Amino acid sequence: MKAIRSKAIRIGSMAFVVGIIAAQTRCADDSESKTSPSSCTQSTVPKNYACTTNFALGIPDWIKDNFTCVQVTDDGTNYVFATEDVPSYNSMYFGTCDSRYEAAPGTNRANPNLISIQNYVIKVPKNPEVAANPTDVSLTTVGVATNGIVYFDNMAAPPDNLVNELATMDAGNGHPTNTGTYHYHAEPYKLTDTDPGAFVGVARDGFPVFGPKEADGTTNPQYVGGANCNPTKVNERMAGTNDDAPDNCQPLAISNFHCHEIAGATFFPDIYTCHYHVDNGPTYMLDKFAGTPGSFTNN
């Protein structure tokens, strides 16, 4: 992961992949996760599984230098990310009979589910813009991490709640649904352990996601308003047509989303952009899209 200072970026060409939004089975079984899996369990992911990383001709460096376990193409309007959504680190969710098994951290306990190979295709706009109004999310896939794992929003399927679900996370801060979809709701520890300001993925609306700190790894994000802090002004500043929008501008009522420059990055242009910060509460991943989200499938 390359260090980035606390300015921002124009994601002039960001996006993921495809399809019409598919119904997604959420963490409905997490409410049953008061006990550990049986004495000998085994994921259907082969023990010799190795993820595939591949980039089509012309894919930009900000993707090639940071993402693994994804296959990325360009459809002209979007970058199309395909991922099988299998973690590259050990987890209790590979099953107790698996060599990749790792016990639950601290007082956490496993839910009844095991990881299985998925077939995600996620589409993200190459030139994201802040919308006039945010788009609510509801029990859905909201983006993809730089290690190929999908992000879910900050909700859990009723009657469960996210606070209870967080007690079923493995050491990477992820867990699977009852269909084997491994995912994050909050800070992805394997990506932020050594750099809390790391670039950790992209949301489906095309805006990047960073850890709980700014890109310098130490500064807490700041969020400001003002007369020129609005979607029109920040979009104009991202496009380079004026510089009226202030740094750290929070143009919409989204608690972990703001706009500023990210200077010194080797894989992002040194210009103004908007982005999210994932945390471990109260926002977690995100509860609203700032831009227009691309679609996804998982068939």
Protein backbone atom coordinates (compact mmCIF):
# COMPACT_ATOMS: atom_id res chain seq x y z
CA MET A 1 0.00 0.00 0.00
CA LYS A 2 1.45 3.31 -0.99
CA ALA A 3 1.32 6.21 1.43
CA ILE A 4 -0.94 9.11 0.56
CA ARG A 5 -0.93 12.51 2.20
CA SER A 6 -4.06 14.32 3.22
CA LYS A 7 -5.23 15.90 0.02
CA ALA A 8 -7.68 14.44 -2.47
CA ILE A 9 -8.19 12.94 -5.81
CA ARG A 10 -10.07 13.07 -8.95
CA ILE A 11 -11.20 9.59 -9.69
CA GLY A 12 -11.42 10.48 -13.32
CA SER A 13 -11.86 6.90 -14.30
CA MET A 14 -13.30 4.80 -11.56
CA ALA A 15 -15.88 2.15 -11.69
CA PHE A 16 -16.67 -1.45 -11.27
CA VAL A 17 -18.72 -3.86 -13.04
CA VAL A 18 -22.04 -4.75 -14.32
CA GLY A 19 -25.39 -6.14 -14.21
CA ILE A 20 -28.74 -5.28 -12.81
CA ILE A 21 -28.84 -5.15 -9.07
CA ALA A 22 -29.42 -8.63 -7.78
CA ALA A 23 -31.23 -9.75 -4.71
CA GLN A 24 -28.71 -10.32 -1.96
CA THR A 25 -29.03 -12.75 0.91
CA ARG A 26 -27.91 -10.90 3.99
CA CYS A 27 -26.73 -11.96 7.40
CA ALA A 28 -30.06 -13.46 8.37
CA ASP A 29 -28.44 -16.40 10.15
CA ASP A 30 -26.17 -14.21 12.27
CA SER A 31 -28.83 -14.02 14.97
CA GLU A 32 -28.28 -17.75 15.48
CA SER A 33 -24.58 -17.33 16.12
CA LYS A 34 -24.51 -17.91 19.88
CA THR A 35 -22.52 -21.12 19.49
CA SER A 36 -19.46 -22.12 17.49
CA PRO A 37 -19.62 -24.42 14.46
CA SER A 38 -19.70 -28.17 15.13
CA SER A 39 -16.49 -30.00 16.06
CA CYS A 40 -15.50 -30.63 12.44
CA THR A 41 -16.65 -28.34 9.66
CA GLN A 42 -15.24 -27.68 6.19
CA SER A 43 -15.79 -24.86 3.72
CA THR A 44 -16.48 -25.76 0.09
CA VAL A 45 -13.56 -23.52 -0.97
CA PRO A 46 -10.78 -25.93 -2.11
CA LYS A 47 -7.81 -26.06 0.24
CA ASN A 48 -5.50 -25.24 -2.65
CA TYR A 49 -7.63 -22.27 -3.77
CA ALA A 50 -5.70 -19.30 -5.17
CA CYS A 51 -7.44 -16.13 -6.25
CA THR A 52 -6.92 -14.61 -9.70
CA THR A 53 -5.69 -11.06 -10.28
CA ASN A 54 -5.86 -9.76 -13.82
CA PHE A 55 -6.14 -6.33 -15.42
CA ALA A 56 -7.20 -5.64 -18.98
CA LEU A 57 -5.09 -3.42 -21.20
CA GLY A 58 -5.46 0.24 -20.25
CA ILE A 59 -6.58 -0.25 -16.65
CA PRO A 60 -5.06 2.65 -14.66
CA ASP A 61 -2.36 2.41 -12.03
CA TRP A 62 -4.64 3.29 -9.12
CA ILE A 63 -6.31 -0.08 -9.71
CA LYS A 64 -3.27 -2.13 -10.76
CA ASP A 65 -1.10 -0.88 -7.88
CA ASN A 66 -3.65 -1.50 -5.15
CA PHE A 67 -6.19 -4.21 -5.95
CA THR A 68 -5.63 -7.96 -5.74
CA CYS A 69 -7.93 -10.96 -6.21
CA VAL A 70 -10.00 -9.14 -8.83
CA GLN A 71 -10.27 -9.22 -12.60
CA VAL A 72 -10.86 -5.76 -14.02
CA THR A 73 -12.00 -4.68 -17.47
CA ASP A 74 -13.16 -1.39 -18.97
CA ASP A 75 -16.54 -1.29 -20.74
CA GLY A 76 -16.03 2.28 -21.87
CA THR A 77 -18.18 3.83 -19.16
CA ASN A 78 -17.24 1.75 -16.14
CA TYR A 79 -14.44 -0.32 -14.73
CA VAL A 80 -15.84 -3.80 -14.30
CA PHE A 81 -14.59 -5.66 -11.22
CA ALA A 82 -15.12 -9.41 -10.99
CA THR A 83 -14.31 -11.18 -7.73
CA GLU A 84 -14.84 -14.61 -6.17
CA ASP A 85 -14.87 -12.92 -2.75
CA VAL A 86 -12.64 -15.37 -0.86
CA PRO A 87 -10.32 -13.94 1.81
CA SER A 88 -6.61 -14.56 1.34
CA TYR A 89 -6.05 -14.83 5.11
CA ASN A 90 -7.04 -17.47 7.64
CA SER A 91 -10.51 -17.40 9.16
CA MET A 92 -12.70 -19.45 11.46
CA TYR A 93 -15.17 -19.45 8.56
CA PHE A 94 -13.12 -21.92 6.50
CA GLY A 95 -14.19 -24.52 9.07
CA THR A 96 -12.51 -26.29 11.97
CA CYS A 97 -11.19 -29.12 9.79
CA ASP A 98 -9.50 -26.72 7.38
CA SER A 99 -5.81 -25.78 7.54
CA ARG A 100 -6.91 -22.14 7.04
CA TYR A 101 -8.96 -22.23 10.25
CA GLU A 102 -8.16 -19.54 12.79
CA ALA A 103 -10.00 -19.27 16.11
CA ALA A 104 -12.31 -16.34 16.78
CA PRO A 105 -10.57 -13.24 18.15
CA GLY A 106 -11.17 -12.26 21.77
CA THR A 107 -14.72 -12.97 22.93
CA ASN A 108 -16.13 -13.20 19.40
CA ARG A 109 -17.88 -16.39 18.30
CA ALA A 110 -18.58 -17.83 14.87
CA ASN A 111 -21.96 -17.65 13.22
CA PRO A 112 -23.25 -20.93 11.68
CA ASN A 113 -22.03 -20.11 8.15
CA LEU A 114 -18.95 -21.00 6.11
CA ILE A 115 -17.22 -19.17 3.25
CA SER A 116 -18.00 -20.24 -0.31
CA ILE A 117 -16.81 -18.99 -3.71
CA GLN A 118 -18.98 -16.22 -5.16
CA ASN A 119 -19.32 -14.72 -8.62
CA TYR A 120 -19.53 -10.96 -8.09
CA VAL A 121 -19.49 -8.44 -10.90
CA ILE A 122 -19.61 -4.81 -9.75
CA LYS A 123 -19.97 -1.72 -11.91
CA VAL A 124 -18.71 1.67 -10.72
CA PRO A 125 -18.83 4.97 -12.63
CA LYS A 126 -15.47 6.08 -14.02
CA ASN A 127 -16.27 9.74 -13.44
CA PRO A 128 -18.28 9.94 -10.21
CA GLU A 129 -20.19 13.06 -9.28
CA VAL A 130 -21.90 14.05 -6.05
CA ALA A 131 -25.67 13.86 -6.52
CA ALA A 132 -28.11 16.56 -5.46
CA ASN A 133 -29.45 14.16 -2.82
CA PRO A 134 -27.98 11.00 -1.29
CA THR A 135 -29.29 7.55 -2.16
CA ASP A 136 -30.32 5.39 0.78
CA VAL A 137 -28.88 1.90 1.04
CA SER A 138 -30.78 -1.04 2.45
CA LEU A 139 -29.26 -4.46 3.02
CA THR A 140 -27.08 -4.46 -0.05
CA THR A 141 -23.54 -4.73 -1.40
CA VAL A 142 -22.06 -1.23 -1.44
CA GLY A 143 -18.54 -1.68 -2.82
CA VAL A 144 -15.40 -3.78 -3.08
CA ALA A 145 -12.23 -3.74 -0.99
CA THR A 146 -8.70 -3.64 -2.39
CA ASN A 147 -8.32 -7.33 -1.49
CA GLY A 148 -11.38 -8.35 -3.52
CA ILE A 149 -13.79 -8.73 -0.58
CA VAL A 150 -17.18 -7.06 -0.91
CA TYR A 151 -18.50 -4.40 1.44
CA PHE A 152 -22.02 -4.54 2.85
CA ASP A 153 -23.76 -1.50 4.31
CA ASN A 154 -24.16 -0.74 8.01
CA MET A 155 -27.37 -2.73 8.50
CA ALA A 156 -28.23 -6.27 9.49
CA ALA A 157 -31.23 -8.33 8.45
CA PRO A 158 -34.04 -8.17 11.07
CA PRO A 159 -34.41 -9.28 13.79
CA ASP A 160 -30.63 -9.08 14.15
CA ASN A 161 -28.69 -5.84 14.50
CA LEU A 162 -25.19 -4.84 13.47
CA VAL A 163 -23.88 -4.58 17.03
CA ASN A 164 -24.70 -8.26 17.54
CA GLU A 165 -23.21 -9.15 14.18
CA LEU A 166 -19.92 -7.46 15.02
CA ALA A 167 -19.46 -10.08 17.73
CA THR A 168 -19.28 -12.73 14.97
CA MET A 169 -16.43 -11.14 13.02
CA ASP A 170 -13.16 -12.99 12.42
CA ALA A 171 -9.71 -11.45 12.83
CA GLY A 172 -10.12 -9.62 9.51
CA ASN A 173 -13.42 -8.09 10.74
CA GLY A 174 -15.48 -10.03 8.23
CA HIS A 175 -18.00 -12.89 8.24
CA PRO A 176 -20.19 -14.84 5.77
CA THR A 177 -23.92 -14.91 5.11
CA ASN A 178 -25.97 -18.10 5.01
CA THR A 179 -25.08 -18.33 1.30
CA GLY A 180 -21.35 -18.16 2.06
CA THR A 181 -20.82 -14.53 0.97
CA TYR A 182 -17.89 -13.25 3.02
CA HIS A 183 -18.05 -9.49 3.56
CA TYR A 184 -17.15 -6.46 5.64
CA HIS A 185 -19.51 -4.05 7.38
CA ALA A 186 -16.81 -1.99 9.05
CA GLU A 187 -13.05 -1.35 9.07
CA PRO A 188 -11.20 -4.16 7.23
CA TYR A 189 -8.43 -4.85 9.76
CA LYS A 190 -6.18 -6.77 7.39
CA LEU A 191 -5.98 -3.63 5.23
CA THR A 192 -5.63 -1.05 8.01
CA ASP A 193 -3.58 -2.81 10.71
CA THR A 194 -0.37 -1.05 9.69
CA ASP A 195 -1.96 2.00 8.03
CA PRO A 196 -5.26 3.33 9.42
CA GLY A 197 -5.41 5.84 6.57
CA ALA A 198 -4.99 3.25 3.83
CA PHE A 199 -6.94 3.28 0.59
CA VAL A 200 -9.20 0.26 1.20
CA GLY A 201 -11.61 0.14 -1.72
CA VAL A 202 -14.24 1.84 -3.81
CA ALA A 203 -17.97 2.30 -3.28
CA ARG A 204 -20.46 1.47 -6.02
CA ASP A 205 -20.96 5.17 -6.73
CA GLY A 206 -17.31 5.45 -7.80
CA PHE A 207 -15.95 7.28 -4.77
CA PRO A 208 -12.91 5.84 -2.98
CA VAL A 209 -12.94 4.50 0.56
CA PHE A 210 -10.17 5.10 3.09
CA GLY A 211 -9.58 3.80 6.60
CA PRO A 212 -10.72 5.71 9.70
CA LYS A 213 -7.82 8.18 9.43
CA GLU A 214 -6.80 10.53 6.66
CA ALA A 215 -4.30 9.25 4.11
CA ASP A 216 -1.33 10.39 6.22
CA GLY A 217 -2.34 7.67 8.69
CA THR A 218 -2.65 9.95 11.74
CA THR A 219 -5.07 12.82 11.08
CA ASN A 220 -8.72 12.45 12.02
CA PRO A 221 -11.12 13.39 9.19
CA GLN A 222 -12.69 16.83 9.44
CA TYR A 223 -16.09 17.76 8.08
CA VAL A 224 -17.08 21.35 7.35
CA GLY A 225 -19.99 23.16 5.71
CA GLY A 226 -20.44 26.66 4.36
CA ALA A 227 -22.08 28.54 1.51
CA ASN A 228 -19.87 26.95 -1.15
CA CYS A 229 -20.00 23.47 0.31
CA ASN A 230 -22.65 21.88 -1.88
CA PRO A 231 -22.81 19.24 -4.64
CA THR A 232 -22.55 21.77 -7.47
CA LYS A 233 -19.45 23.44 -6.07
CA VAL A 234 -17.61 20.23 -5.20
CA ASN A 235 -18.35 18.74 -8.63
CA GLU A 236 -16.99 21.89 -10.26
CA ARG A 237 -13.85 21.75 -8.13
CA MET A 238 -13.34 18.07 -8.96
CA ALA A 239 -13.69 18.97 -12.63
CA GLY A 240 -11.19 21.80 -12.22
CA THR A 241 -13.57 24.55 -13.34
CA ASN A 242 -13.40 26.52 -10.07
CA ASP A 243 -11.99 26.20 -6.57
CA ASP A 244 -14.87 27.66 -4.55
CA ALA A 245 -15.61 24.47 -2.57
CA PRO A 246 -13.61 24.36 0.69
CA ASP A 247 -11.32 21.56 1.80
CA ASN A 248 -13.02 18.96 4.02
CA CYS A 249 -16.38 20.02 2.60
CA GLN A 250 -19.27 17.73 3.58
CA PRO A 251 -21.71 18.46 0.74
CA LEU A 252 -24.42 16.02 1.83
CA ALA A 253 -25.80 14.73 5.11
CA ILE A 254 -23.53 11.67 5.10
CA SER A 255 -21.45 11.48 8.25
CA ASN A 256 -18.34 9.77 6.80
CA PHE A 257 -18.17 11.48 3.39
CA HIS A 258 -16.23 14.64 2.56
CA CYS A 259 -14.12 16.28 -0.16
CA HIS A 260 -10.53 17.53 -0.19
CA GLU A 261 -7.20 16.99 -1.92
CA ILE A 262 -4.95 13.97 -1.46
CA ALA A 263 -1.44 15.06 -2.34
CA GLY A 264 1.60 12.94 -3.10
CA ALA A 265 -0.17 9.83 -4.29
CA THR A 266 1.56 7.98 -7.08
CA PHE A 267 -1.67 6.38 -8.26
CA PHE A 268 -4.18 9.26 -7.92
CA PRO A 269 -4.04 12.68 -9.56
CA ASP A 270 -3.19 15.44 -7.08
CA ILE A 271 -6.58 17.16 -7.29
CA TYR A 272 -9.74 17.63 -5.28
CA THR A 273 -12.00 14.64 -4.79
CA CYS A 274 -14.64 13.25 -2.49
CA HIS A 275 -14.39 10.01 -0.51
CA TYR A 276 -15.64 7.91 2.38
CA HIS A 277 -13.93 6.88 5.62
CA VAL A 278 -14.88 3.45 6.95
CA ASP A 279 -14.92 3.11 10.74
CA ASN A 280 -16.12 0.84 13.54
CA GLY A 281 -19.09 3.00 14.49
CA PRO A 282 -21.30 4.81 14.42
CA THR A 283 -21.27 4.93 10.59
CA TYR A 284 -19.30 1.72 9.86
CA MET A 285 -19.15 1.32 6.05
CA LEU A 286 -21.91 3.61 4.80
CA ASP A 287 -25.64 4.16 5.03
CA LYS A 288 -26.05 6.39 1.98
CA PHE A 289 -24.44 6.78 -1.45
CA ALA A 290 -23.21 10.28 -2.24
CA GLY A 291 -23.26 9.61 -5.97
CA THR A 292 -25.25 7.42 -8.33
CA PRO A 293 -24.39 3.78 -7.58
CA GLY A 294 -23.49 1.33 -10.29
CA SER A 295 -25.14 -2.06 -10.36
CA PHE A 296 -23.89 -5.46 -9.31
CA THR A 297 -24.65 -9.14 -9.81
CA ASN A 298 -23.69 -12.26 -7.90
CA ASN A 299 -24.90 -15.31 -9.81
